[in-house]
């Protein structure tokens, strides 16, 4: 299990907040989402998650302004080419910051 931190997430409406949690909880590898003050702790089952789920985390974190560099824990030899070595990807600069 590993934990990702979502700090000071901003929602634009109550529905936006519901969508955020529904989206996170739709990812099979996400086993728990728990709040502590202004932080949300997202527990993921392992650092070896399917590419589709990693792409969803990239999308959610980008959409809600969550720090992307913590997602580098998911890099492996099977996804490095599209994930951390793709310098034209929309997430690259924030991921590598």
Protein backbone atom coordinates (compact mmCIF):
# COMPACT_ATOMS: atom_id res chain seq x y z
CA UNK A 1 0.00 0.00 0.00
CA UNK A 2 1.15 3.52 -0.68
CA UNK A 3 -0.30 6.90 0.07
CA UNK A 4 -0.73 9.89 -2.22
CA UNK A 5 -1.49 13.34 -0.81
CA UNK A 6 -4.02 15.75 -2.28
CA UNK A 7 -3.45 19.09 -0.55
CA UNK A 8 -5.97 21.97 -0.56
CA UNK A 9 -8.08 20.65 -3.44
CA UNK A 10 -10.45 23.34 -4.77
CA UNK A 11 -13.94 22.41 -5.90
CA UNK A 12 -16.08 24.74 -7.99
CA UNK A 13 -19.39 23.36 -6.73
CA UNK A 14 -20.78 20.63 -4.54
CA UNK A 15 -21.27 18.51 -7.67
CA UNK A 16 -17.63 19.06 -8.58
CA UNK A 17 -16.58 17.72 -5.20
CA UNK A 18 -18.84 14.68 -5.61
CA UNK A 19 -17.36 14.11 -9.07
CA UNK A 20 -13.82 14.24 -7.67
CA UNK A 21 -14.52 11.54 -5.08
CA UNK A 22 -16.55 9.41 -7.50
CA UNK A 23 -13.72 9.60 -10.04
CA UNK A 24 -11.08 8.62 -7.47
CA UNK A 25 -13.21 5.79 -6.13
CA UNK A 26 -13.82 4.45 -9.65
CA UNK A 27 -10.13 3.50 -9.85
CA UNK A 28 -9.84 -0.11 -8.77
CA UNK A 29 -6.38 0.33 -7.21
CA UNK A 30 -7.60 3.16 -4.95
CA UNK A 31 -8.56 1.38 -1.75
CA UNK A 32 -9.22 4.34 0.56
CA UNK A 33 -9.64 8.11 0.53
CA UNK A 34 -9.40 9.83 3.90
CA UNK A 35 -9.34 13.50 4.89
CA UNK A 36 -7.04 15.14 7.43
CA UNK A 37 -7.63 18.90 7.66
CA UNK A 38 -6.89 20.36 4.22
CA UNK A 39 -5.23 17.14 3.03
CA UNK A 40 -6.74 14.07 1.48
CA UNK A 41 -4.81 10.85 1.74
CA UNK A 42 -5.39 8.48 -1.18
CA UNK A 43 -4.31 4.92 -0.46
CA UNK A 44 -3.38 2.88 -3.51
CA UNK A 45 -2.97 -0.90 -3.36
CA UNK A 46 0.53 -0.97 -4.88
CA UNK A 47 2.95 0.94 -7.07
CA UNK A 48 2.25 -1.47 -9.93
CA UNK A 49 -1.08 -0.29 -11.28
CA UNK A 50 -2.48 -0.68 -14.80
CA UNK A 51 -1.65 2.06 -17.32
CA UNK A 52 -5.33 2.97 -17.64
CA UNK A 53 -5.56 3.66 -13.90
CA UNK A 54 -2.33 5.67 -13.94
CA UNK A 55 -3.75 7.78 -16.78
CA UNK A 56 -6.87 8.38 -14.68
CA UNK A 57 -4.74 9.52 -11.72
CA UNK A 58 -2.81 11.84 -14.03
CA UNK A 59 -6.09 13.30 -15.26
CA UNK A 60 -7.63 13.72 -11.82
CA UNK A 61 -4.51 15.23 -10.31
CA UNK A 62 -4.11 17.62 -13.24
CA UNK A 63 -7.79 18.66 -13.21
CA UNK A 64 -7.80 19.33 -9.46
CA UNK A 65 -4.31 20.83 -9.13
CA UNK A 66 -2.78 18.00 -7.12
CA UNK A 67 1.01 17.66 -7.16
CA UNK A 68 1.91 15.28 -10.00
CA UNK A 69 5.51 14.47 -9.13
CA UNK A 70 4.35 12.04 -6.44
CA UNK A 71 2.98 9.85 -9.25
CA UNK A 72 6.52 9.03 -10.38
CA UNK A 73 6.37 6.17 -7.87
CA UNK A 74 4.37 4.34 -10.55
CA UNK A 75 7.12 4.50 -13.19
CA UNK A 76 8.37 1.14 -14.42
CA UNK A 77 10.05 -0.29 -17.50
CA UNK A 78 6.68 -0.97 -19.13
CA UNK A 79 5.30 2.58 -18.87
CA UNK A 80 8.38 4.83 -18.83
CA UNK A 81 8.23 5.56 -22.55
CA UNK A 82 4.76 7.11 -22.44
CA UNK A 83 4.76 8.21 -18.79
CA UNK A 84 8.06 9.81 -17.76
CA UNK A 85 9.98 10.03 -21.02
CA UNK A 86 7.26 11.64 -23.17
CA UNK A 87 8.37 15.27 -23.10
CA UNK A 88 5.36 16.46 -25.12
CA UNK A 89 2.78 14.94 -22.76
CA UNK A 90 0.61 17.52 -20.96
CA UNK A 91 1.75 16.18 -17.59
CA UNK A 92 5.49 15.98 -18.26
CA UNK A 93 6.65 19.33 -16.83
CA UNK A 94 4.59 19.03 -13.65
CA UNK A 95 5.52 15.36 -13.20
CA UNK A 96 9.22 16.07 -13.49
CA UNK A 97 9.19 19.33 -11.44
